mmCIF file of all heavy atoms, coordinates in Angstrom:
data_MODEL
# 
_entry.id   MODEL 
# 
loop_
_atom_site.group_PDB 
_atom_site.id 
_atom_site.type_symbol 
_atom_site.label_atom_id 
_atom_site.label_alt_id 
_atom_site.label_comp_id 
_atom_site.label_asym_id 
_atom_site.label_entity_id 
_atom_site.label_seq_id 
_atom_site.pdbx_PDB_ins_code 
_atom_site.Cartn_x 
_atom_site.Cartn_y 
_atom_site.Cartn_z 
_atom_site.occupancy 
_atom_site.B_iso_or_equiv 
_atom_site.pdbx_formal_charge 
_atom_site.auth_seq_id 
_atom_site.auth_comp_id 
_atom_site.auth_asym_id 
_atom_site.auth_atom_id 
_atom_site.pdbx_PDB_model_num 
ATOM 1   N N   . LYS A 1 1  ? 43.145 -35.624 81.619 1.00 0.00 ? 1  LYS A N   1 
ATOM 2   C CA  . LYS A 1 1  ? 42.232 -36.056 82.673 1.00 0.00 ? 1  LYS A CA  1 
ATOM 3   C C   . LYS A 1 1  ? 42.904 -36.152 84.039 1.00 0.00 ? 1  LYS A C   1 
ATOM 4   O O   . LYS A 1 1  ? 42.324 -35.798 85.044 1.00 0.00 ? 1  LYS A O   1 
ATOM 5   C CB  . LYS A 1 1  ? 41.623 -37.414 82.335 1.00 0.00 ? 1  LYS A CB  1 
ATOM 6   C CG  . LYS A 1 1  ? 40.573 -37.366 81.284 1.00 0.00 ? 1  LYS A CG  1 
ATOM 7   C CD  . LYS A 1 1  ? 39.999 -38.738 81.090 1.00 0.00 ? 1  LYS A CD  1 
ATOM 8   C CE  . LYS A 1 1  ? 38.948 -38.715 79.993 1.00 0.00 ? 1  LYS A CE  1 
ATOM 9   N NZ  . LYS A 1 1  ? 38.418 -40.053 79.743 1.00 0.00 ? 1  LYS A NZ  1 
ATOM 10  N N   . ASP A 1 2  ? 44.113 -36.667 84.092 1.00 0.00 ? 2  ASP A N   1 
ATOM 11  C CA  . ASP A 1 2  ? 44.797 -36.913 85.353 1.00 0.00 ? 2  ASP A CA  1 
ATOM 12  C C   . ASP A 1 2  ? 45.979 -35.969 85.508 1.00 0.00 ? 2  ASP A C   1 
ATOM 13  O O   . ASP A 1 2  ? 46.552 -35.524 84.537 1.00 0.00 ? 2  ASP A O   1 
ATOM 14  C CB  . ASP A 1 2  ? 45.323 -38.359 85.404 1.00 0.00 ? 2  ASP A CB  1 
ATOM 15  C CG  . ASP A 1 2  ? 44.216 -39.373 85.225 1.00 0.00 ? 2  ASP A CG  1 
ATOM 16  O OD1 . ASP A 1 2  ? 43.150 -39.206 85.826 1.00 0.00 ? 2  ASP A OD1 1 
ATOM 17  O OD2 . ASP A 1 2  ? 44.449 -40.331 84.469 1.00 0.00 ? 2  ASP A OD2 1 
ATOM 18  N N   . GLU A 1 3  ? 46.350 -35.746 86.766 1.00 0.00 ? 3  GLU A N   1 
ATOM 19  C CA  . GLU A 1 3  ? 47.544 -34.961 86.993 1.00 0.00 ? 3  GLU A CA  1 
ATOM 20  C C   . GLU A 1 3  ? 48.778 -35.722 86.550 1.00 0.00 ? 3  GLU A C   1 
ATOM 21  O O   . GLU A 1 3  ? 49.730 -35.152 86.062 1.00 0.00 ? 3  GLU A O   1 
ATOM 22  C CB  . GLU A 1 3  ? 47.655 -34.587 88.471 1.00 0.00 ? 3  GLU A CB  1 
ATOM 23  C CG  . GLU A 1 3  ? 46.608 -33.574 88.907 1.00 0.00 ? 3  GLU A CG  1 
ATOM 24  C CD  . GLU A 1 3  ? 46.729 -33.252 90.378 1.00 0.00 ? 3  GLU A CD  1 
ATOM 25  O OE1 . GLU A 1 3  ? 47.826 -33.387 90.948 1.00 0.00 ? 3  GLU A OE1 1 
ATOM 26  O OE2 . GLU A 1 3  ? 45.712 -32.859 90.959 1.00 0.00 ? 3  GLU A OE2 1 
ATOM 27  N N   . LYS A 1 4  ? 48.767 -37.050 86.764 1.00 0.00 ? 4  LYS A N   1 
ATOM 28  C CA  . LYS A 1 4  ? 49.878 -37.898 86.351 1.00 0.00 ? 4  LYS A CA  1 
ATOM 29  C C   . LYS A 1 4  ? 49.365 -38.899 85.324 1.00 0.00 ? 4  LYS A C   1 
ATOM 30  O O   . LYS A 1 4  ? 49.017 -40.019 85.664 1.00 0.00 ? 4  LYS A O   1 
ATOM 31  C CB  . LYS A 1 4  ? 50.466 -38.642 87.550 1.00 0.00 ? 4  LYS A CB  1 
ATOM 32  C CG  . LYS A 1 4  ? 51.175 -37.764 88.533 1.00 0.00 ? 4  LYS A CG  1 
ATOM 33  C CD  . LYS A 1 4  ? 51.791 -38.613 89.616 1.00 0.00 ? 4  LYS A CD  1 
ATOM 34  C CE  . LYS A 1 4  ? 52.599 -37.752 90.555 1.00 0.00 ? 4  LYS A CE  1 
ATOM 35  N NZ  . LYS A 1 4  ? 53.263 -38.565 91.563 1.00 0.00 ? 4  LYS A NZ  1 
ATOM 36  N N   . PRO A 1 5  ? 49.291 -38.507 84.055 1.00 0.00 ? 5  PRO A N   1 
ATOM 37  C CA  . PRO A 1 5  ? 48.749 -39.415 83.046 1.00 0.00 ? 5  PRO A CA  1 
ATOM 38  C C   . PRO A 1 5  ? 49.678 -40.583 82.773 1.00 0.00 ? 5  PRO A C   1 
ATOM 39  O O   . PRO A 1 5  ? 50.890 -40.462 82.883 1.00 0.00 ? 5  PRO A O   1 
ATOM 40  C CB  . PRO A 1 5  ? 48.620 -38.535 81.801 1.00 0.00 ? 5  PRO A CB  1 
ATOM 41  C CG  . PRO A 1 5  ? 49.652 -37.484 81.998 1.00 0.00 ? 5  PRO A CG  1 
ATOM 42  C CD  . PRO A 1 5  ? 49.736 -37.244 83.484 1.00 0.00 ? 5  PRO A CD  1 
ATOM 43  N N   . LYS A 1 6  ? 49.083 -41.715 82.423 1.00 0.00 ? 6  LYS A N   1 
ATOM 44  C CA  . LYS A 1 6  ? 49.860 -42.873 81.987 1.00 0.00 ? 6  LYS A CA  1 
ATOM 45  C C   . LYS A 1 6  ? 50.251 -42.662 80.539 1.00 0.00 ? 6  LYS A C   1 
ATOM 46  O O   . LYS A 1 6  ? 49.506 -42.087 79.762 1.00 0.00 ? 6  LYS A O   1 
ATOM 47  C CB  . LYS A 1 6  ? 49.008 -44.145 82.062 1.00 0.00 ? 6  LYS A CB  1 
ATOM 48  C CG  . LYS A 1 6  ? 48.652 -44.591 83.435 1.00 0.00 ? 6  LYS A CG  1 
ATOM 49  C CD  . LYS A 1 6  ? 47.841 -45.868 83.311 1.00 0.00 ? 6  LYS A CD  1 
ATOM 50  C CE  . LYS A 1 6  ? 47.298 -46.283 84.650 1.00 0.00 ? 6  LYS A CE  1 
ATOM 51  N NZ  . LYS A 1 6  ? 46.436 -47.458 84.539 1.00 0.00 ? 6  LYS A NZ  1 
ATOM 52  N N   . SER A 1 7  ? 51.399 -43.162 80.186 1.00 0.00 ? 7  SER A N   1 
ATOM 53  C CA  . SER A 1 7  ? 51.782 -43.164 78.786 1.00 0.00 ? 7  SER A CA  1 
ATOM 54  C C   . SER A 1 7  ? 50.813 -44.060 78.032 1.00 0.00 ? 7  SER A C   1 
ATOM 55  O O   . SER A 1 7  ? 50.375 -45.079 78.549 1.00 0.00 ? 7  SER A O   1 
ATOM 56  C CB  . SER A 1 7  ? 53.199 -43.701 78.651 1.00 0.00 ? 7  SER A CB  1 
ATOM 57  O OG  . SER A 1 7  ? 53.448 -44.113 77.338 1.00 0.00 ? 7  SER A OG  1 
ATOM 58  N N   . GLY A 1 8  ? 50.446 -43.692 76.807 1.00 0.00 ? 8  GLY A N   1 
ATOM 59  C CA  . GLY A 1 8  ? 49.537 -44.507 76.017 1.00 0.00 ? 8  GLY A CA  1 
ATOM 60  C C   . GLY A 1 8  ? 50.033 -45.929 75.866 1.00 0.00 ? 8  GLY A C   1 
ATOM 61  O O   . GLY A 1 8  ? 49.290 -46.884 76.016 1.00 0.00 ? 8  GLY A O   1 
ATOM 62  N N   . LEU A 1 9  ? 51.328 -46.087 75.612 1.00 0.00 ? 9  LEU A N   1 
ATOM 63  C CA  . LEU A 1 9  ? 51.888 -47.419 75.435 1.00 0.00 ? 9  LEU A CA  1 
ATOM 64  C C   . LEU A 1 9  ? 51.844 -48.204 76.741 1.00 0.00 ? 9  LEU A C   1 
ATOM 65  O O   . LEU A 1 9  ? 51.484 -49.381 76.757 1.00 0.00 ? 9  LEU A O   1 
ATOM 66  C CB  . LEU A 1 9  ? 53.322 -47.334 74.916 1.00 0.00 ? 9  LEU A CB  1 
ATOM 67  C CG  . LEU A 1 9  ? 54.022 -48.660 74.695 1.00 0.00 ? 9  LEU A CG  1 
ATOM 68  C CD1 . LEU A 1 9  ? 53.238 -49.523 73.713 1.00 0.00 ? 9  LEU A CD1 1 
ATOM 69  C CD2 . LEU A 1 9  ? 55.433 -48.438 74.200 1.00 0.00 ? 9  LEU A CD2 1 
ATOM 70  N N   . ILE A 1 10 ? 52.180 -47.573 77.846 1.00 0.00 ? 10 ILE A N   1 
ATOM 71  C CA  . ILE A 1 10 ? 52.146 -48.264 79.138 1.00 0.00 ? 10 ILE A CA  1 
ATOM 72  C C   . ILE A 1 10 ? 50.729 -48.692 79.464 1.00 0.00 ? 10 ILE A C   1 
ATOM 73  O O   . ILE A 1 10 ? 50.486 -49.817 79.897 1.00 0.00 ? 10 ILE A O   1 
ATOM 74  C CB  . ILE A 1 10 ? 52.732 -47.370 80.258 1.00 0.00 ? 10 ILE A CB  1 
ATOM 75  C CG1 . ILE A 1 10 ? 54.234 -47.208 80.043 1.00 0.00 ? 10 ILE A CG1 1 
ATOM 76  C CG2 . ILE A 1 10 ? 52.448 -47.968 81.627 1.00 0.00 ? 10 ILE A CG2 1 
ATOM 77  C CD1 . ILE A 1 10 ? 54.890 -46.207 80.962 1.00 0.00 ? 10 ILE A CD1 1 
ATOM 78  N N   . SER A 1 11 ? 49.773 -47.814 79.233 1.00 0.00 ? 11 SER A N   1 
ATOM 79  C CA  . SER A 1 11 ? 48.369 -48.150 79.473 1.00 0.00 ? 11 SER A CA  1 
ATOM 80  C C   . SER A 1 11 ? 47.949 -49.354 78.640 1.00 0.00 ? 11 SER A C   1 
ATOM 81  O O   . SER A 1 11 ? 47.292 -50.271 79.129 1.00 0.00 ? 11 SER A O   1 
ATOM 82  C CB  . SER A 1 11 ? 47.489 -46.944 79.132 1.00 0.00 ? 11 SER A CB  1 
ATOM 83  O OG  . SER A 1 11 ? 46.139 -47.268 79.233 1.00 0.00 ? 11 SER A OG  1 
ATOM 84  N N   . ALA A 1 12 ? 48.343 -49.373 77.392 1.00 0.00 ? 12 ALA A N   1 
ATOM 85  C CA  . ALA A 1 12 ? 47.979 -50.482 76.501 1.00 0.00 ? 12 ALA A CA  1 
ATOM 86  C C   . ALA A 1 12 ? 48.616 -51.783 76.952 1.00 0.00 ? 12 ALA A C   1 
ATOM 87  O O   . ALA A 1 12 ? 48.002 -52.842 76.883 1.00 0.00 ? 12 ALA A O   1 
ATOM 88  C CB  . ALA A 1 12 ? 48.404 -50.160 75.072 1.00 0.00 ? 12 ALA A CB  1 
ATOM 89  N N   . LEU A 1 13 ? 49.837 -51.718 77.430 1.00 0.00 ? 13 LEU A N   1 
ATOM 90  C CA  . LEU A 1 13 ? 50.523 -52.931 77.864 1.00 0.00 ? 13 LEU A CA  1 
ATOM 91  C C   . LEU A 1 13 ? 50.000 -53.454 79.199 1.00 0.00 ? 13 LEU A C   1 
ATOM 92  O O   . LEU A 1 13 ? 50.001 -54.658 79.444 1.00 0.00 ? 13 LEU A O   1 
ATOM 93  C CB  . LEU A 1 13 ? 52.033 -52.682 77.954 1.00 0.00 ? 13 LEU A CB  1 
ATOM 94  C CG  . LEU A 1 13 ? 52.723 -52.393 76.620 1.00 0.00 ? 13 LEU A CG  1 
ATOM 95  C CD1 . LEU A 1 13 ? 54.177 -52.027 76.836 1.00 0.00 ? 13 LEU A CD1 1 
ATOM 96  C CD2 . LEU A 1 13 ? 52.598 -53.577 75.682 1.00 0.00 ? 13 LEU A CD2 1 
ATOM 97  N N   . LEU A 1 14 ? 49.554 -52.539 80.069 1.00 0.00 ? 14 LEU A N   1 
ATOM 98  C CA  . LEU A 1 14 ? 49.052 -52.957 81.381 1.00 0.00 ? 14 LEU A CA  1 
ATOM 99  C C   . LEU A 1 14 ? 47.648 -53.551 81.325 1.00 0.00 ? 14 LEU A C   1 
ATOM 100 O O   . LEU A 1 14 ? 47.288 -54.362 82.166 1.00 0.00 ? 14 LEU A O   1 
ATOM 101 C CB  . LEU A 1 14 ? 49.071 -51.775 82.358 1.00 0.00 ? 14 LEU A CB  1 
ATOM 102 C CG  . LEU A 1 14 ? 50.454 -51.283 82.776 1.00 0.00 ? 14 LEU A CG  1 
ATOM 103 C CD1 . LEU A 1 14 ? 50.320 -50.042 83.654 1.00 0.00 ? 14 LEU A CD1 1 
ATOM 104 C CD2 . LEU A 1 14 ? 51.218 -52.377 83.498 1.00 0.00 ? 14 LEU A CD2 1 
ATOM 105 N N   . GLU A 1 15 ? 46.847 -53.132 80.362 1.00 0.00 ? 15 GLU A N   1 
ATOM 106 C CA  . GLU A 1 15 ? 45.453 -53.582 80.283 1.00 0.00 ? 15 GLU A CA  1 
ATOM 107 C C   . GLU A 1 15 ? 45.093 -54.054 78.874 1.00 0.00 ? 15 GLU A C   1 
ATOM 108 O O   . GLU A 1 15 ? 44.142 -53.567 78.278 1.00 0.00 ? 15 GLU A O   1 
ATOM 109 C CB  . GLU A 1 15 ? 44.528 -52.449 80.719 1.00 0.00 ? 15 GLU A CB  1 
ATOM 110 C CG  . GLU A 1 15 ? 44.832 -51.970 82.127 1.00 0.00 ? 15 GLU A CG  1 
ATOM 111 C CD  . GLU A 1 15 ? 44.001 -50.760 82.520 1.00 0.00 ? 15 GLU A CD  1 
ATOM 112 O OE1 . GLU A 1 15 ? 43.871 -49.829 81.713 1.00 0.00 ? 15 GLU A OE1 1 
ATOM 113 O OE2 . GLU A 1 15 ? 43.488 -50.782 83.635 1.00 0.00 ? 15 GLU A OE2 1 
ATOM 114 N N   . PRO A 1 16 ? 45.813 -55.029 78.340 1.00 0.00 ? 16 PRO A N   1 
ATOM 115 C CA  . PRO A 1 16 ? 45.576 -55.421 76.946 1.00 0.00 ? 16 PRO A CA  1 
ATOM 116 C C   . PRO A 1 16 ? 44.190 -55.996 76.684 1.00 0.00 ? 16 PRO A C   1 
ATOM 117 O O   . PRO A 1 16 ? 43.638 -55.794 75.606 1.00 0.00 ? 16 PRO A O   1 
ATOM 118 C CB  . PRO A 1 16 ? 46.658 -56.476 76.681 1.00 0.00 ? 16 PRO A CB  1 
ATOM 119 C CG  . PRO A 1 16 ? 47.009 -57.005 78.020 1.00 0.00 ? 16 PRO A CG  1 
ATOM 120 C CD  . PRO A 1 16 ? 46.844 -55.846 78.957 1.00 0.00 ? 16 PRO A CD  1 
ATOM 121 N N   . MET A 1 17 ? 43.621 -56.712 77.630 1.00 0.00 ? 17 MET A N   1 
ATOM 122 C CA  . MET A 1 17 ? 42.332 -57.355 77.376 1.00 0.00 ? 17 MET A CA  1 
ATOM 123 C C   . MET A 1 17 ? 41.208 -56.343 77.188 1.00 0.00 ? 17 MET A C   1 
ATOM 124 O O   . MET A 1 17 ? 40.234 -56.628 76.500 1.00 0.00 ? 17 MET A O   1 
ATOM 125 C CB  . MET A 1 17 ? 41.995 -58.364 78.459 1.00 0.00 ? 17 MET A CB  1 
ATOM 126 C CG  . MET A 1 17 ? 42.896 -59.607 78.408 1.00 0.00 ? 17 MET A CG  1 
ATOM 127 S SD  . MET A 1 17 ? 43.120 -60.321 76.753 1.00 0.00 ? 17 MET A SD  1 
ATOM 128 C CE  . MET A 1 17 ? 41.486 -60.870 76.380 1.00 0.00 ? 17 MET A CE  1 
ATOM 129 N N   . LYS A 1 18 ? 41.322 -55.154 77.753 1.00 0.00 ? 18 LYS A N   1 
ATOM 130 C CA  . LYS A 1 18 ? 40.320 -54.114 77.516 1.00 0.00 ? 18 LYS A CA  1 
ATOM 131 C C   . LYS A 1 18 ? 40.249 -53.786 76.025 1.00 0.00 ? 18 LYS A C   1 
ATOM 132 O O   . LYS A 1 18 ? 39.188 -53.658 75.452 1.00 0.00 ? 18 LYS A O   1 
ATOM 133 C CB  . LYS A 1 18 ? 40.660 -52.834 78.284 1.00 0.00 ? 18 LYS A CB  1 
ATOM 134 C CG  . LYS A 1 18 ? 40.214 -52.806 79.701 1.00 0.00 ? 18 LYS A CG  1 
ATOM 135 C CD  . LYS A 1 18 ? 40.491 -51.421 80.233 1.00 0.00 ? 18 LYS A CD  1 
ATOM 136 C CE  . LYS A 1 18 ? 39.797 -51.157 81.521 1.00 0.00 ? 18 LYS A CE  1 
ATOM 137 N NZ  . LYS A 1 18 ? 40.047 -49.788 81.992 1.00 0.00 ? 18 LYS A NZ  1 
ATOM 138 N N   . PHE A 1 19 ? 41.413 -53.641 75.415 1.00 0.00 ? 19 PHE A N   1 
ATOM 139 C CA  . PHE A 1 19 ? 41.488 -53.301 73.998 1.00 0.00 ? 19 PHE A CA  1 
ATOM 140 C C   . PHE A 1 19 ? 40.996 -54.458 73.139 1.00 0.00 ? 19 PHE A C   1 
ATOM 141 O O   . PHE A 1 19 ? 40.223 -54.273 72.213 1.00 0.00 ? 19 PHE A O   1 
ATOM 142 C CB  . PHE A 1 19 ? 42.928 -52.947 73.617 1.00 0.00 ? 19 PHE A CB  1 
ATOM 143 C CG  . PHE A 1 19 ? 43.439 -51.722 74.305 1.00 0.00 ? 19 PHE A CG  1 
ATOM 144 C CD1 . PHE A 1 19 ? 44.028 -51.810 75.547 1.00 0.00 ? 19 PHE A CD1 1 
ATOM 145 C CD2 . PHE A 1 19 ? 43.325 -50.480 73.712 1.00 0.00 ? 19 PHE A CD2 1 
ATOM 146 C CE1 . PHE A 1 19 ? 44.496 -50.678 76.195 1.00 0.00 ? 19 PHE A CE1 1 
ATOM 147 C CE2 . PHE A 1 19 ? 43.784 -49.350 74.349 1.00 0.00 ? 19 PHE A CE2 1 
ATOM 148 C CZ  . PHE A 1 19 ? 44.373 -49.445 75.593 1.00 0.00 ? 19 PHE A CZ  1 
ATOM 149 N N   . ILE A 1 20 ? 41.479 -55.635 73.442 1.00 0.00 ? 20 ILE A N   1 
ATOM 150 C CA  . ILE A 1 20 ? 41.136 -56.817 72.653 1.00 0.00 ? 20 ILE A CA  1 
ATOM 151 C C   . ILE A 1 20 ? 39.650 -57.130 72.765 1.00 0.00 ? 20 ILE A C   1 
ATOM 152 O O   . ILE A 1 20 ? 38.974 -57.368 71.767 1.00 0.00 ? 20 ILE A O   1 
ATOM 153 C CB  . ILE A 1 20 ? 42.005 -58.006 73.083 1.00 0.00 ? 20 ILE A CB  1 
ATOM 154 C CG1 . ILE A 1 20 ? 43.477 -57.713 72.747 1.00 0.00 ? 20 ILE A CG1 1 
ATOM 155 C CG2 . ILE A 1 20 ? 41.533 -59.299 72.432 1.00 0.00 ? 20 ILE A CG2 1 
ATOM 156 C CD1 . ILE A 1 20 ? 44.471 -58.626 73.429 1.00 0.00 ? 20 ILE A CD1 1 
ATOM 157 N N   . ASP A 1 21 ? 39.118 -57.131 73.988 1.00 0.00 ? 21 ASP A N   1 
ATOM 158 C CA  . ASP A 1 21 ? 37.696 -57.432 74.192 1.00 0.00 ? 21 ASP A CA  1 
ATOM 159 C C   . ASP A 1 21 ? 36.801 -56.434 73.475 1.00 0.00 ? 21 ASP A C   1 
ATOM 160 O O   . ASP A 1 21 ? 35.776 -56.807 72.915 1.00 0.00 ? 21 ASP A O   1 
ATOM 161 C CB  . ASP A 1 21 ? 37.346 -57.448 75.686 1.00 0.00 ? 21 ASP A CB  1 
ATOM 162 C CG  . ASP A 1 21 ? 37.895 -58.665 76.403 1.00 0.00 ? 21 ASP A CG  1 
ATOM 163 O OD1 . ASP A 1 21 ? 38.298 -59.634 75.729 1.00 0.00 ? 21 ASP A OD1 1 
ATOM 164 O OD2 . ASP A 1 21 ? 37.932 -58.644 77.651 1.00 0.00 ? 21 ASP A OD2 1 
ATOM 165 N N   . ASP A 1 22 ? 37.179 -55.164 73.477 1.00 0.00 ? 22 ASP A N   1 
ATOM 166 C CA  . ASP A 1 22 ? 36.384 -54.128 72.805 1.00 0.00 ? 22 ASP A CA  1 
ATOM 167 C C   . ASP A 1 22 ? 36.219 -54.454 71.327 1.00 0.00 ? 22 ASP A C   1 
ATOM 168 O O   . ASP A 1 22 ? 35.120 -54.393 70.782 1.00 0.00 ? 22 ASP A O   1 
ATOM 169 C CB  . ASP A 1 22 ? 37.051 -52.766 72.984 1.00 0.00 ? 22 ASP A CB  1 
ATOM 170 C CG  . ASP A 1 22 ? 36.355 -51.661 72.205 1.00 0.00 ? 22 ASP A CG  1 
ATOM 171 O OD1 . ASP A 1 22 ? 35.126 -51.510 72.346 1.00 0.00 ? 22 ASP A OD1 1 
ATOM 172 O OD2 . ASP A 1 22 ? 37.043 -50.948 71.449 1.00 0.00 ? 22 ASP A OD2 1 
ATOM 173 N N   . ILE A 1 23 ? 37.292 -54.832 70.691 1.00 0.00 ? 23 ILE A N   1 
ATOM 174 C CA  . ILE A 1 23 ? 37.244 -55.147 69.256 1.00 0.00 ? 23 ILE A CA  1 
ATOM 175 C C   . ILE A 1 23 ? 36.452 -56.419 69.002 1.00 0.00 ? 23 ILE A C   1 
ATOM 176 O O   . ILE A 1 23 ? 35.581 -56.464 68.136 1.00 0.00 ? 23 ILE A O   1 
ATOM 177 C CB  . ILE A 1 23 ? 38.672 -55.255 68.700 1.00 0.00 ? 23 ILE A CB  1 
ATOM 178 C CG1 . ILE A 1 23 ? 39.327 -53.878 68.748 1.00 0.00 ? 23 ILE A CG1 1 
ATOM 179 C CG2 . ILE A 1 23 ? 38.671 -55.821 67.284 1.00 0.00 ? 23 ILE A CG2 1 
ATOM 180 C CD1 . ILE A 1 23 ? 40.815 -53.892 68.531 1.00 0.00 ? 23 ILE A CD1 1 
ATOM 181 N N   . VAL A 1 24 ? 36.749 -57.464 69.762 1.00 0.00 ? 24 VAL A N   1 
ATOM 182 C CA  . VAL A 1 24 ? 36.090 -58.753 69.555 1.00 0.00 ? 24 VAL A CA  1 
ATOM 183 C C   . VAL A 1 24 ? 34.578 -58.631 69.753 1.00 0.00 ? 24 VAL A C   1 
ATOM 184 O O   . VAL A 1 24 ? 33.796 -59.189 68.986 1.00 0.00 ? 24 VAL A O   1 
ATOM 185 C CB  . VAL A 1 24 ? 36.715 -59.839 70.458 1.00 0.00 ? 24 VAL A CB  1 
ATOM 186 C CG1 . VAL A 1 24 ? 35.928 -61.129 70.399 1.00 0.00 ? 24 VAL A CG1 1 
ATOM 187 C CG2 . VAL A 1 24 ? 38.168 -60.078 70.053 1.00 0.00 ? 24 VAL A CG2 1 
ATOM 188 N N   . VAL A 1 25 ? 34.152 -57.879 70.747 1.00 0.00 ? 25 VAL A N   1 
ATOM 189 C CA  . VAL A 1 25 ? 32.714 -57.686 70.988 1.00 0.00 ? 25 VAL A CA  1 
ATOM 190 C C   . VAL A 1 25 ? 32.060 -56.961 69.811 1.00 0.00 ? 25 VAL A C   1 
ATOM 191 O O   . VAL A 1 25 ? 30.986 -57.334 69.368 1.00 0.00 ? 25 VAL A O   1 
ATOM 192 C CB  . VAL A 1 25 ? 32.482 -56.914 72.311 1.00 0.00 ? 25 VAL A CB  1 
ATOM 193 C CG1 . VAL A 1 25 ? 31.060 -56.392 72.409 1.00 0.00 ? 25 VAL A CG1 1 
ATOM 194 C CG2 . VAL A 1 25 ? 32.804 -57.804 73.506 1.00 0.00 ? 25 VAL A CG2 1 
ATOM 195 N N   . GLN A 1 26 ? 32.726 -55.938 69.278 1.00 0.00 ? 26 GLN A N   1 
ATOM 196 C CA  . GLN A 1 26 ? 32.141 -55.168 68.176 1.00 0.00 ? 26 GLN A CA  1 
ATOM 197 C C   . GLN A 1 26 ? 32.014 -55.949 66.877 1.00 0.00 ? 26 GLN A C   1 
ATOM 198 O O   . GLN A 1 26 ? 31.157 -55.638 66.050 1.00 0.00 ? 26 GLN A O   1 
ATOM 199 C CB  . GLN A 1 26 ? 32.960 -53.901 67.919 1.00 0.00 ? 26 GLN A CB  1 
ATOM 200 C CG  . GLN A 1 26 ? 32.802 -52.859 68.996 1.00 0.00 ? 26 GLN A CG  1 
ATOM 201 C CD  . GLN A 1 26 ? 33.346 -51.542 68.538 1.00 0.00 ? 26 GLN A CD  1 
ATOM 202 O OE1 . GLN A 1 26 ? 32.893 -51.000 67.525 1.00 0.00 ? 26 GLN A OE1 1 
ATOM 203 N NE2 . GLN A 1 26 ? 34.315 -51.010 69.255 1.00 0.00 ? 26 GLN A NE2 1 
ATOM 204 N N   . ILE A 1 27 ? 32.840 -56.954 66.697 1.00 0.00 ? 27 ILE A N   1 
ATOM 205 C CA  . ILE A 1 27 ? 32.780 -57.699 65.437 1.00 0.00 ? 27 ILE A CA  1 
ATOM 206 C C   . ILE A 1 27 ? 32.227 -59.110 65.630 1.00 0.00 ? 27 ILE A C   1 
ATOM 207 O O   . ILE A 1 27 ? 32.321 -59.939 64.720 1.00 0.00 ? 27 ILE A O   1 
ATOM 208 C CB  . ILE A 1 27 ? 34.157 -57.740 64.735 1.00 0.00 ? 27 ILE A CB  1 
ATOM 209 C CG1 . ILE A 1 27 ? 35.218 -58.332 65.634 1.00 0.00 ? 27 ILE A CG1 1 
ATOM 210 C CG2 . ILE A 1 27 ? 34.528 -56.356 64.250 1.00 0.00 ? 27 ILE A CG2 1 
ATOM 211 C CD1 . ILE A 1 27 ? 36.580 -58.434 64.967 1.00 0.00 ? 27 ILE A CD1 1 
ATOM 212 N N   . ARG A 1 28 ? 31.628 -59.328 66.774 1.00 0.00 ? 28 ARG A N   1 
ATOM 213 C CA  . ARG A 1 28 ? 31.024 -60.637 67.043 1.00 0.00 ? 28 ARG A CA  1 
ATOM 214 C C   . ARG A 1 28 ? 30.051 -60.999 65.924 1.00 0.00 ? 28 ARG A C   1 
ATOM 215 O O   . ARG A 1 28 ? 29.254 -60.194 65.480 1.00 0.00 ? 28 ARG A O   1 
ATOM 216 C CB  . ARG A 1 28 ? 30.272 -60.599 68.375 1.00 0.00 ? 28 ARG A CB  1 
ATOM 217 C CG  . ARG A 1 28 ? 29.697 -61.953 68.756 1.00 0.00 ? 28 ARG A CG  1 
ATOM 218 C CD  . ARG A 1 28 ? 29.105 -61.938 70.134 1.00 0.00 ? 28 ARG A CD  1 
ATOM 219 N NE  . ARG A 1 28 ? 30.195 -61.895 71.101 1.00 0.00 ? 28 ARG A NE  1 
ATOM 220 C CZ  . ARG A 1 28 ? 30.172 -61.162 72.212 1.00 0.00 ? 28 ARG A CZ  1 
ATOM 221 N NH1 . ARG A 1 28 ? 29.142 -60.422 72.508 1.00 0.00 ? 28 ARG A NH1 1 
ATOM 222 N NH2 . ARG A 1 28 ? 31.198 -61.182 73.042 1.00 0.00 ? 28 ARG A NH2 1 
# 
């Protein structure tokens, strides 16, 4: 998607609440 992609791990570490909230909402 981007010319300068973020590493998957770096992306996960920089925005952890996006990942956590997604799961918590789905299993509410």
